[in-house]
């Protein structure tokens, strides 16, 4: 098993909003692959949202409610992307 400083930060939170971690030596385990796939989906969705945001912001007729929804969606995507970056950064640091 991995040591406590090598726990993988997972790309989701628990029911109470607390961070979830994975302890495994197998990067090809079911949970590792699930986390990898979830990170990939999250990053893909963030890229799509960025394209949509650029279109919405370029439209001078965008309604305030649409801008609020966009801000909410961008906030969620940024949170997910930062969690992925943090997780990957920790894993890079433990391999060096």
N, C-alpha and C. Protein backbone atom coordinates (compact mmCIF):
# COMPACT_ATOMS: atom_id res chain seq x y z
N UNK A 1 0.84 -1.20 0.00
CA UNK A 1 0.00 0.00 0.00
C UNK A 1 0.88 1.25 0.00
N UNK A 2 0.30 2.32 -0.43
CA UNK A 2 1.01 3.59 -0.46
C UNK A 2 1.08 4.18 0.94
N UNK A 3 2.04 5.05 1.14
CA UNK A 3 2.14 5.74 2.42
C UNK A 3 1.14 6.90 2.42
N UNK A 4 0.90 7.46 3.58
CA UNK A 4 -0.14 8.49 3.70
C UNK A 4 0.15 9.72 2.85
N UNK A 5 1.44 10.03 2.59
CA UNK A 5 1.73 11.19 1.77
C UNK A 5 1.65 10.87 0.28
N UNK A 6 1.32 9.61 -0.07
CA UNK A 6 1.18 9.21 -1.46
C UNK A 6 -0.27 8.88 -1.81
N UNK A 7 -1.20 9.23 -0.95
CA UNK A 7 -2.59 8.97 -1.25
C UNK A 7 -3.02 9.78 -2.47
N UNK A 8 -3.79 9.16 -3.33
CA UNK A 8 -4.27 9.85 -4.53
C UNK A 8 -5.55 10.60 -4.21
N UNK A 9 -5.55 11.89 -4.51
CA UNK A 9 -6.76 12.69 -4.38
C UNK A 9 -7.68 12.31 -5.52
N UNK A 10 -8.88 11.86 -5.19
CA UNK A 10 -9.82 11.43 -6.21
C UNK A 10 -10.60 12.63 -6.77
N UNK A 11 -11.09 12.52 -8.01
CA UNK A 11 -11.75 13.66 -8.65
C UNK A 11 -13.21 13.83 -8.26
N UNK A 12 -13.58 13.39 -7.08
CA UNK A 12 -14.94 13.58 -6.58
C UNK A 12 -14.87 13.72 -5.07
N UNK A 13 -15.94 14.18 -4.49
CA UNK A 13 -16.01 14.29 -3.03
C UNK A 13 -17.01 13.28 -2.50
N UNK A 14 -16.97 13.09 -1.20
CA UNK A 14 -17.92 12.21 -0.54
C UNK A 14 -19.26 12.91 -0.38
N UNK A 15 -20.25 12.18 0.15
CA UNK A 15 -21.59 12.74 0.30
C UNK A 15 -21.62 14.01 1.15
N UNK A 16 -20.67 14.15 2.06
CA UNK A 16 -20.64 15.32 2.93
C UNK A 16 -19.73 16.42 2.38
N UNK A 17 -19.25 16.25 1.14
CA UNK A 17 -18.41 17.26 0.51
C UNK A 17 -16.94 17.17 0.86
N UNK A 18 -16.56 16.18 1.67
CA UNK A 18 -15.15 16.04 2.04
C UNK A 18 -14.38 15.36 0.91
N UNK A 19 -13.08 15.66 0.85
CA UNK A 19 -12.22 15.08 -0.17
C UNK A 19 -12.13 13.57 0.01
N UNK A 20 -11.96 12.86 -1.11
CA UNK A 20 -11.78 11.41 -1.09
C UNK A 20 -10.38 11.08 -1.58
N UNK A 21 -9.77 10.08 -0.97
CA UNK A 21 -8.42 9.67 -1.35
C UNK A 21 -8.40 8.17 -1.61
N UNK A 22 -7.44 7.74 -2.42
CA UNK A 22 -7.26 6.33 -2.75
C UNK A 22 -5.86 5.91 -2.36
N UNK A 23 -5.76 4.79 -1.67
CA UNK A 23 -4.48 4.21 -1.31
C UNK A 23 -4.31 2.91 -2.07
N UNK A 24 -3.40 2.90 -3.05
CA UNK A 24 -3.14 1.69 -3.83
C UNK A 24 -1.77 1.77 -4.47
N UNK A 25 -1.17 0.61 -4.67
CA UNK A 25 0.09 0.53 -5.40
C UNK A 25 -0.16 0.20 -6.87
N UNK A 26 -1.42 -0.07 -7.22
CA UNK A 26 -1.76 -0.51 -8.56
C UNK A 26 -2.43 0.62 -9.34
N UNK A 27 -1.65 1.24 -10.24
CA UNK A 27 -2.20 2.33 -11.05
C UNK A 27 -3.20 1.84 -12.08
N UNK A 28 -3.33 0.52 -12.21
CA UNK A 28 -4.27 -0.06 -13.17
C UNK A 28 -5.45 -0.72 -12.45
N UNK A 29 -5.61 -0.42 -11.17
CA UNK A 29 -6.73 -0.99 -10.42
C UNK A 29 -8.04 -0.38 -10.93
N UNK A 30 -9.15 -1.01 -10.58
CA UNK A 30 -10.46 -0.51 -10.99
C UNK A 30 -10.66 0.93 -10.55
N UNK A 31 -10.36 1.24 -9.30
CA UNK A 31 -10.58 2.60 -8.78
C UNK A 31 -9.63 3.60 -9.44
N UNK A 32 -8.40 3.19 -9.71
CA UNK A 32 -7.45 4.08 -10.39
C UNK A 32 -7.94 4.40 -11.80
N UNK A 33 -8.41 3.38 -12.52
CA UNK A 33 -8.93 3.60 -13.87
C UNK A 33 -10.20 4.45 -13.85
N UNK A 34 -11.06 4.20 -12.86
CA UNK A 34 -12.28 5.01 -12.73
C UNK A 34 -11.92 6.47 -12.48
N UNK A 35 -10.95 6.71 -11.62
CA UNK A 35 -10.51 8.09 -11.34
C UNK A 35 -9.90 8.72 -12.59
N UNK A 36 -9.08 7.96 -13.32
CA UNK A 36 -8.48 8.48 -14.56
C UNK A 36 -9.56 8.85 -15.56
N UNK A 37 -10.55 7.98 -15.73
CA UNK A 37 -11.63 8.24 -16.67
C UNK A 37 -12.47 9.45 -16.24
N UNK A 38 -12.74 9.55 -14.94
CA UNK A 38 -13.52 10.68 -14.44
C UNK A 38 -12.77 11.99 -14.66
N UNK A 39 -11.45 11.99 -14.39
CA UNK A 39 -10.64 13.18 -14.64
C UNK A 39 -10.70 13.57 -16.12
N UNK A 40 -10.60 12.59 -16.99
CA UNK A 40 -10.64 12.86 -18.43
C UNK A 40 -11.98 13.49 -18.84
N UNK A 41 -13.06 12.96 -18.33
CA UNK A 41 -14.39 13.51 -18.62
C UNK A 41 -14.49 14.94 -18.08
N UNK A 42 -14.03 15.16 -16.85
CA UNK A 42 -14.11 16.48 -16.25
C UNK A 42 -13.32 17.51 -17.07
N UNK A 43 -12.12 17.14 -17.51
CA UNK A 43 -11.31 18.07 -18.30
C UNK A 43 -11.93 18.32 -19.67
N UNK A 44 -12.51 17.29 -20.27
CA UNK A 44 -13.20 17.46 -21.55
C UNK A 44 -14.40 18.38 -21.43
N UNK A 45 -15.16 18.21 -20.36
CA UNK A 45 -16.33 19.06 -20.13
C UNK A 45 -15.90 20.50 -19.89
N UNK A 46 -14.80 20.70 -19.19
CA UNK A 46 -14.29 22.05 -18.94
C UNK A 46 -13.89 22.72 -20.26
N UNK A 47 -13.27 21.97 -21.15
CA UNK A 47 -12.87 22.52 -22.45
C UNK A 47 -14.10 22.93 -23.26
N UNK A 48 -15.12 22.08 -23.26
CA UNK A 48 -16.36 22.40 -23.97
C UNK A 48 -17.04 23.63 -23.37
N UNK A 49 -17.04 23.71 -22.05
CA UNK A 49 -17.65 24.85 -21.37
C UNK A 49 -16.90 26.14 -21.70
N UNK A 50 -15.59 26.07 -21.79
CA UNK A 50 -14.81 27.26 -22.15
C UNK A 50 -15.20 27.77 -23.53
N UNK A 51 -15.37 26.86 -24.48
CA UNK A 51 -15.81 27.27 -25.82
C UNK A 51 -17.19 27.93 -25.76
N UNK A 52 -18.09 27.33 -24.98
CA UNK A 52 -19.44 27.89 -24.84
C UNK A 52 -19.38 29.27 -24.17
N UNK A 53 -18.51 29.39 -23.16
CA UNK A 53 -18.38 30.66 -22.45
C UNK A 53 -17.91 31.77 -23.39
N UNK A 54 -16.96 31.44 -24.26
CA UNK A 54 -16.47 32.45 -25.20
C UNK A 54 -17.60 32.92 -26.12
N UNK A 55 -18.44 32.00 -26.56
CA UNK A 55 -19.58 32.38 -27.40
C UNK A 55 -20.57 33.25 -26.64
N UNK A 56 -20.89 32.86 -25.42
CA UNK A 56 -21.86 33.61 -24.61
C UNK A 56 -21.34 35.01 -24.31
N UNK A 57 -20.08 35.11 -23.95
CA UNK A 57 -19.51 36.42 -23.62
C UNK A 57 -19.37 37.32 -24.84
N UNK A 58 -19.25 36.73 -26.02
CA UNK A 58 -19.14 37.53 -27.25
C UNK A 58 -20.49 38.08 -27.69
N UNK A 59 -21.58 37.54 -27.15
CA UNK A 59 -22.93 37.98 -27.52
C UNK A 59 -23.35 39.13 -26.60
N UNK A 60 -23.47 40.31 -27.18
CA UNK A 60 -23.82 41.50 -26.40
C UNK A 60 -25.23 41.42 -25.83
N UNK A 61 -26.07 40.55 -26.37
CA UNK A 61 -27.46 40.43 -25.92
C UNK A 61 -27.66 39.35 -24.85
N UNK A 62 -26.59 38.82 -24.31
CA UNK A 62 -26.70 37.78 -23.29
C UNK A 62 -27.39 38.33 -22.04
N UNK A 63 -28.37 37.61 -21.58
CA UNK A 63 -29.15 38.01 -20.40
C UNK A 63 -28.35 37.79 -19.11
N UNK A 64 -28.61 38.60 -18.08
CA UNK A 64 -27.92 38.43 -16.80
C UNK A 64 -28.09 37.02 -16.20
N UNK A 65 -29.28 36.43 -16.34
CA UNK A 65 -29.49 35.08 -15.81
C UNK A 65 -28.59 34.06 -16.51
N UNK A 66 -28.39 34.26 -17.81
CA UNK A 66 -27.50 33.37 -18.56
C UNK A 66 -26.05 33.54 -18.10
N UNK A 67 -25.66 34.77 -17.79
CA UNK A 67 -24.31 35.02 -17.28
C UNK A 67 -24.11 34.39 -15.90
N UNK A 68 -25.13 34.46 -15.05
CA UNK A 68 -25.04 33.84 -13.73
C UNK A 68 -24.90 32.33 -13.85
N UNK A 69 -25.68 31.72 -14.75
CA UNK A 69 -25.57 30.28 -14.97
C UNK A 69 -24.20 29.92 -15.50
N UNK A 70 -23.69 30.72 -16.41
CA UNK A 70 -22.35 30.49 -16.95
C UNK A 70 -21.31 30.56 -15.83
N UNK A 71 -21.41 31.57 -14.97
CA UNK A 71 -20.47 31.72 -13.87
C UNK A 71 -20.53 30.51 -12.94
N UNK A 72 -21.74 30.02 -12.67
CA UNK A 72 -21.91 28.83 -11.82
C UNK A 72 -21.25 27.62 -12.47
N UNK A 73 -21.51 27.43 -13.76
CA UNK A 73 -20.92 26.28 -14.47
C UNK A 73 -19.40 26.39 -14.54
N UNK A 74 -18.90 27.59 -14.80
CA UNK A 74 -17.44 27.79 -14.86
C UNK A 74 -16.80 27.55 -13.50
N UNK A 75 -17.46 27.95 -12.43
CA UNK A 75 -16.95 27.73 -11.08
C UNK A 75 -16.81 26.24 -10.80
N UNK A 76 -17.83 25.47 -11.16
CA UNK A 76 -17.77 24.02 -10.96
C UNK A 76 -16.67 23.38 -11.79
N UNK A 77 -16.53 23.81 -13.04
CA UNK A 77 -15.49 23.26 -13.90
C UNK A 77 -14.10 23.62 -13.39
N UNK A 78 -13.94 24.84 -12.90
CA UNK A 78 -12.66 25.26 -12.34
C UNK A 78 -12.32 24.45 -11.09
N UNK A 79 -13.31 24.22 -10.22
CA UNK A 79 -13.11 23.41 -9.02
C UNK A 79 -12.62 22.00 -9.41
N UNK A 80 -13.30 21.39 -10.38
CA UNK A 80 -12.92 20.04 -10.82
C UNK A 80 -11.53 20.03 -11.43
N UNK A 81 -11.23 21.03 -12.26
CA UNK A 81 -9.93 21.10 -12.92
C UNK A 81 -8.81 21.31 -11.91
N UNK A 82 -9.04 22.15 -10.91
CA UNK A 82 -8.03 22.35 -9.86
C UNK A 82 -7.80 21.06 -9.06
N UNK A 83 -8.88 20.30 -8.81
CA UNK A 83 -8.73 19.04 -8.09
C UNK A 83 -7.89 18.05 -8.92
N UNK A 84 -8.14 18.00 -10.23
CA UNK A 84 -7.36 17.12 -11.11
C UNK A 84 -5.90 17.56 -11.10
N UNK A 85 -5.66 18.85 -11.24
CA UNK A 85 -4.28 19.36 -11.25
C UNK A 85 -3.57 19.08 -9.93
N UNK A 86 -4.27 19.27 -8.83
CA UNK A 86 -3.68 18.99 -7.51
C UNK A 86 -3.34 17.51 -7.38
N UNK A 87 -4.25 16.66 -7.78
CA UNK A 87 -4.03 15.22 -7.70
C UNK A 87 -2.83 14.80 -8.55
N UNK A 88 -2.80 15.28 -9.77
CA UNK A 88 -1.70 14.91 -10.67
C UNK A 88 -0.38 15.49 -10.20
N UNK A 89 -0.43 16.70 -9.67
CA UNK A 89 0.80 17.30 -9.13
C UNK A 89 1.36 16.53 -7.96
N UNK A 90 0.47 16.05 -7.08
CA UNK A 90 0.92 15.24 -5.94
C UNK A 90 1.56 13.94 -6.42
N UNK A 91 0.94 13.32 -7.43
CA UNK A 91 1.48 12.05 -7.94
C UNK A 91 2.82 12.26 -8.62
N UNK A 92 2.98 13.39 -9.32
CA UNK A 92 4.28 13.69 -9.94
C UNK A 92 5.35 13.90 -8.87
N UNK A 93 5.00 14.61 -7.81
CA UNK A 93 5.95 14.90 -6.73
C UNK A 93 6.40 13.63 -6.02
N UNK A 94 5.52 12.66 -5.86
CA UNK A 94 5.90 11.43 -5.17
C UNK A 94 6.76 10.52 -6.03
N UNK A 95 6.72 10.71 -7.36
CA UNK A 95 7.53 9.88 -8.25
C UNK A 95 8.94 10.44 -8.44
N UNK A 96 9.15 11.69 -8.07
CA UNK A 96 10.46 12.32 -8.27
C UNK A 96 11.42 12.01 -7.15
